[in-house]
Amino acid sequence: MGWSLAGRRPLPHKQLPEPDQMKDPSFVQRFQPIAARLRTALAARPAGKN
């Protein structure tokens, strides 16, 4: 038994945004809180960790 992926749209979190989307204020605004939390988490990592 197989799964057919034909005709399925990619999941939004697995697809990079188009360059034009990155210039759209309404698109960018949705992700600002997530980006801020990610920057905070990355800044809190111990030194020397990648």
PDB file of N, CA and C in Angstrom:
ATOM      1  N   MET A   1       0.850  -1.163   0.000  1.00  0.00           N
ATOM      2  CA  MET A   1       0.000   0.000   0.000  1.00  0.00           C
ATOM      3  C   MET A   1       0.904   1.237   0.000  1.00  0.00           C
ATOM      4  N   GLY A   2       0.620   2.167  -0.871  1.00  0.00           N
ATOM      5  CA  GLY A   2       1.458   3.364  -0.969  1.00  0.00           C
ATOM      6  C   GLY A   2       0.663   4.633  -0.753  1.00  0.00           C
ATOM      7  N   TRP A   3       1.396   5.676  -0.510  1.00  0.00           N
ATOM      8  CA  TRP A   3       0.778   6.987  -0.323  1.00  0.00           C
ATOM      9  C   TRP A   3       1.005   7.796  -1.579  1.00  0.00           C
ATOM     10  N   SER A   4      -0.027   8.404  -2.060  1.00  0.00           N
ATOM     11  CA  SER A   4       0.098   9.238  -3.241  1.00  0.00           C
ATOM     12  C   SER A   4       0.313  10.681  -2.806  1.00  0.00           C
ATOM     13  N   LEU A   5       1.415  11.254  -3.246  1.00  0.00           N
ATOM     14  CA  LEU A   5       1.707  12.639  -2.929  1.00  0.00           C
ATOM     15  C   LEU A   5       1.381  13.563  -4.108  1.00  0.00           C
ATOM     16  N   ALA A   6       0.905  12.978  -5.184  1.00  0.00           N
ATOM     17  CA  ALA A   6       0.588  13.770  -6.368  1.00  0.00           C
ATOM     18  C   ALA A   6      -0.536  14.751  -6.057  1.00  0.00           C
ATOM     19  N   GLY A   7      -0.315  15.977  -6.433  1.00  0.00           N
ATOM     20  CA  GLY A   7      -1.340  16.989  -6.254  1.00  0.00           C
ATOM     21  C   GLY A   7      -1.381  17.613  -4.871  1.00  0.00           C
ATOM     22  N   ARG A   8      -0.542  17.153  -3.972  1.00  0.00           N
ATOM     23  CA  ARG A   8      -0.527  17.730  -2.621  1.00  0.00           C
ATOM     24  C   ARG A   8       0.328  18.978  -2.600  1.00  0.00           C
ATOM     25  N   ARG A   9      -0.115  19.959  -1.866  1.00  0.00           N
ATOM     26  CA  ARG A   9       0.657  21.189  -1.716  1.00  0.00           C
ATOM     27  C   ARG A   9       1.689  20.987  -0.618  1.00  0.00           C
ATOM     28  N   PRO A  10       2.855  21.626  -0.744  1.00  0.00           N
ATOM     29  CA  PRO A  10       3.869  21.492   0.314  1.00  0.00           C
ATOM     30  C   PRO A  10       3.382  22.148   1.597  1.00  0.00           C
ATOM     31  N   LEU A  11       3.818  21.595   2.710  1.00  0.00           N
ATOM     32  CA  LEU A  11       3.462  22.176   3.995  1.00  0.00           C
ATOM     33  C   LEU A  11       4.143  23.534   4.134  1.00  0.00           C
ATOM     34  N   PRO A  12       3.442  24.528   4.666  1.00  0.00           N
ATOM     35  CA  PRO A  12       4.016  25.874   4.732  1.00  0.00           C
ATOM     36  C   PRO A  12       5.320  25.954   5.523  1.00  0.00           C
ATOM     37  N   HIS A  13       5.464  25.144   6.577  1.00  0.00           N
ATOM     38  CA  HIS A  13       6.685  25.215   7.367  1.00  0.00           C
ATOM     39  C   HIS A  13       7.857  24.504   6.707  1.00  0.00           C
ATOM     40  N   LYS A  14       7.618  23.829   5.592  1.00  0.00           N
ATOM     41  CA  LYS A  14       8.695  23.130   4.898  1.00  0.00           C
ATOM     42  C   LYS A  14       9.036  23.812   3.580  1.00  0.00           C
ATOM     43  N   GLN A  15       8.438  24.962   3.338  1.00  0.00           N
ATOM     44  CA  GLN A  15       8.674  25.666   2.089  1.00  0.00           C
ATOM     45  C   GLN A  15       9.196  27.064   2.410  1.00  0.00           C
ATOM     46  N   LEU A  16      10.303  27.429   1.783  1.00  0.00           N
ATOM     47  CA  LEU A  16      10.851  28.757   1.998  1.00  0.00           C
ATOM     48  C   LEU A  16       9.957  29.798   1.335  1.00  0.00           C
ATOM     49  N   PRO A  17       9.844  30.970   1.953  1.00  0.00           N
ATOM     50  CA  PRO A  17       9.026  32.009   1.335  1.00  0.00           C
ATOM     51  C   PRO A  17       9.673  32.535   0.063  1.00  0.00           C
ATOM     52  N   GLU A  18       8.852  33.047  -0.809  1.00  0.00           N
ATOM     53  CA  GLU A  18       9.347  33.684  -2.028  1.00  0.00           C
ATOM     54  C   GLU A  18      10.007  35.004  -1.627  1.00  0.00           C
ATOM     55  N   PRO A  19      11.005  35.469  -2.376  1.00  0.00           N
ATOM     56  CA  PRO A  19      11.649  36.740  -2.042  1.00  0.00           C
ATOM     57  C   PRO A  19      10.664  37.906  -1.938  1.00  0.00           C
ATOM     58  N   ASP A  20       9.654  37.935  -2.789  1.00  0.00           N
ATOM     59  CA  ASP A  20       8.671  39.021  -2.725  1.00  0.00           C
ATOM     60  C   ASP A  20       7.865  38.981  -1.429  1.00  0.00           C
ATOM     61  N   GLN A  21       7.646  37.784  -0.884  1.00  0.00           N
ATOM     62  CA  GLN A  21       6.909  37.667   0.374  1.00  0.00           C
ATOM     63  C   GLN A  21       7.676  38.317   1.518  1.00  0.00           C
ATOM     64  N   MET A  22       8.989  38.267   1.470  1.00  0.00           N
ATOM     65  CA  MET A  22       9.803  38.834   2.536  1.00  0.00           C
ATOM     66  C   MET A  22       9.719  40.362   2.575  1.00  0.00           C
ATOM     67  N   LYS A  23       9.194  40.967   1.505  1.00  0.00           N
ATOM     68  CA  LYS A  23       9.028  42.421   1.444  1.00  0.00           C
ATOM     69  C   LYS A  23       7.607  42.834   1.800  1.00  0.00           C
ATOM     70  N   ASP A  24       6.725  41.867   1.970  1.00  0.00           N
ATOM     71  CA  ASP A  24       5.324  42.156   2.264  1.00  0.00           C
ATOM     72  C   ASP A  24       5.154  42.341   3.772  1.00  0.00           C
ATOM     73  N   PRO A  25       4.822  43.574   4.231  1.00  0.00           N
ATOM     74  CA  PRO A  25       4.715  43.821   5.677  1.00  0.00           C
ATOM     75  C   PRO A  25       3.727  42.895   6.395  1.00  0.00           C
ATOM     76  N   SER A  26       2.609  42.557   5.778  1.00  0.00           N
ATOM     77  CA  SER A  26       1.647  41.685   6.458  1.00  0.00           C
ATOM     78  C   SER A  26       2.199  40.276   6.639  1.00  0.00           C
ATOM     79  N   PHE A  27       2.995  39.798   5.701  1.00  0.00           N
ATOM     80  CA  PHE A  27       3.613  38.478   5.815  1.00  0.00           C
ATOM     81  C   PHE A  27       4.686  38.497   6.899  1.00  0.00           C
ATOM     82  N   VAL A  28       5.548  39.507   6.859  1.00  0.00           N
ATOM     83  CA  VAL A  28       6.659  39.609   7.804  1.00  0.00           C
ATOM     84  C   VAL A  28       6.147  39.799   9.227  1.00  0.00           C
ATOM     85  N   GLN A  29       5.104  40.590   9.400  1.00  0.00           N
ATOM     86  CA  GLN A  29       4.573  40.886  10.736  1.00  0.00           C
ATOM     87  C   GLN A  29       4.113  39.619  11.453  1.00  0.00           C
ATOM     88  N   ARG A  30       3.566  38.660  10.726  1.00  0.00           N
ATOM     89  CA  ARG A  30       3.084  37.414  11.348  1.00  0.00           C
ATOM     90  C   ARG A  30       4.210  36.642  12.014  1.00  0.00           C
ATOM     91  N   PHE A  31       5.430  36.758  11.489  1.00  0.00           N
ATOM     92  CA  PHE A  31       6.535  35.943  11.972  1.00  0.00           C
ATOM     93  C   PHE A  31       7.474  36.686  12.915  1.00  0.00           C
ATOM     94  N   GLN A  32       7.251  37.963  13.175  1.00  0.00           N
ATOM     95  CA  GLN A  32       8.133  38.723  14.052  1.00  0.00           C
ATOM     96  C   GLN A  32       8.172  38.165  15.473  1.00  0.00           C
ATOM     97  N   PRO A  33       7.042  37.804  16.101  1.00  0.00           N
ATOM     98  CA  PRO A  33       7.130  37.246  17.462  1.00  0.00           C
ATOM     99  C   PRO A  33       7.922  35.936  17.520  1.00  0.00           C
ATOM    100  N   ILE A  34       7.753  35.095  16.524  1.00  0.00           N
ATOM    101  CA  ILE A  34       8.488  33.825  16.480  1.00  0.00           C
ATOM    102  C   ILE A  34       9.980  34.096  16.316  1.00  0.00           C
ATOM    103  N   ALA A  35      10.317  35.029  15.438  1.00  0.00           N
ATOM    104  CA  ALA A  35      11.723  35.360  15.205  1.00  0.00           C
ATOM    105  C   ALA A  35      12.357  35.921  16.473  1.00  0.00           C
ATOM    106  N   ALA A  36      11.628  36.741  17.207  1.00  0.00           N
ATOM    107  CA  ALA A  36      12.167  37.309  18.446  1.00  0.00           C
ATOM    108  C   ALA A  36      12.441  36.219  19.480  1.00  0.00           C
ATOM    109  N   ARG A  37      11.519  35.258  19.605  1.00  0.00           N
ATOM    110  CA  ARG A  37      11.739  34.154  20.556  1.00  0.00           C
ATOM    111  C   ARG A  37      12.915  33.283  20.128  1.00  0.00           C
ATOM    112  N   LEU A  38      13.047  33.069  18.831  1.00  0.00           N
ATOM    113  CA  LEU A  38      14.167  32.268  18.329  1.00  0.00           C
ATOM    114  C   LEU A  38      15.494  32.972  18.604  1.00  0.00           C
ATOM    115  N   ARG A  39      15.559  34.284  18.368  1.00  0.00           N
ATOM    116  CA  ARG A  39      16.791  35.023  18.654  1.00  0.00           C
ATOM    117  C   ARG A  39      17.135  34.955  20.143  1.00  0.00           C
ATOM    118  N   THR A  40      16.122  35.069  21.004  1.00  0.00           N
ATOM    119  CA  THR A  40      16.354  34.990  22.445  1.00  0.00           C
ATOM    120  C   THR A  40      16.900  33.618  22.830  1.00  0.00           C
ATOM    121  N   ALA A  41      16.304  32.565  22.280  1.00  0.00           N
ATOM    122  CA  ALA A  41      16.753  31.201  22.583  1.00  0.00           C
ATOM    123  C   ALA A  41      18.179  30.972  22.077  1.00  0.00           C
ATOM    124  N   LEU A  42      18.482  31.460  20.899  1.00  0.00           N
ATOM    125  CA  LEU A  42      19.827  31.274  20.359  1.00  0.00           C
ATOM    126  C   LEU A  42      20.857  32.064  21.165  1.00  0.00           C
ATOM    127  N   ALA A  43      20.493  33.244  21.621  1.00  0.00           N
ATOM    128  CA  ALA A  43      21.409  34.064  22.415  1.00  0.00           C
ATOM    129  C   ALA A  43      21.666  33.423  23.790  1.00  0.00           C
ATOM    130  N   ALA A  44      20.741  32.615  24.284  1.00  0.00           N
ATOM    131  CA  ALA A  44      20.876  32.006  25.604  1.00  0.00           C
ATOM    132  C   ALA A  44      21.704  30.726  25.594  1.00  0.00           C
ATOM    133  N   ARG A  45      22.094  30.278  24.413  1.00  0.00           N
ATOM    134  CA  ARG A  45      22.898  29.052  24.334  1.00  0.00           C
ATOM    135  C   ARG A  45      24.259  29.251  24.979  1.00  0.00           C
ATOM    136  N   PRO A  46      24.798  28.208  25.568  1.00  0.00           N
ATOM    137  CA  PRO A  46      26.153  28.301  26.127  1.00  0.00           C
ATOM    138  C   PRO A  46      27.177  28.634  25.042  1.00  0.00           C
ATOM    139  N   ALA A  47      28.214  29.335  25.408  1.00  0.00           N
ATOM    140  CA  ALA A  47      29.265  29.702  24.446  1.00  0.00           C
ATOM    141  C   ALA A  47      29.893  28.453  23.858  1.00  0.00           C
ATOM    142  N   GLY A  48      30.200  28.508  22.577  1.00  0.00           N
ATOM    143  CA  GLY A  48      30.857  27.392  21.910  1.00  0.00           C
ATOM    144  C   GLY A  48      29.925  26.351  21.346  1.00  0.00           C
ATOM    145  N   LYS A  49      28.621  26.507  21.537  1.00  0.00           N
ATOM    146  CA  LYS A  49      27.660  25.544  20.996  1.00  0.00           C
ATOM    147  C   LYS A  49      27.136  26.062  19.666  1.00  0.00           C
ATOM    148  N   ASN A  50      27.078  25.197  18.661  1.00  0.00           N
ATOM    149  CA  ASN A  50      26.537  25.591  17.355  1.00  0.00           C
ATOM    150  C   ASN A  50      25.149  25.114  17.178  1.00  0.00           C
TER     151      ASN A  50
END
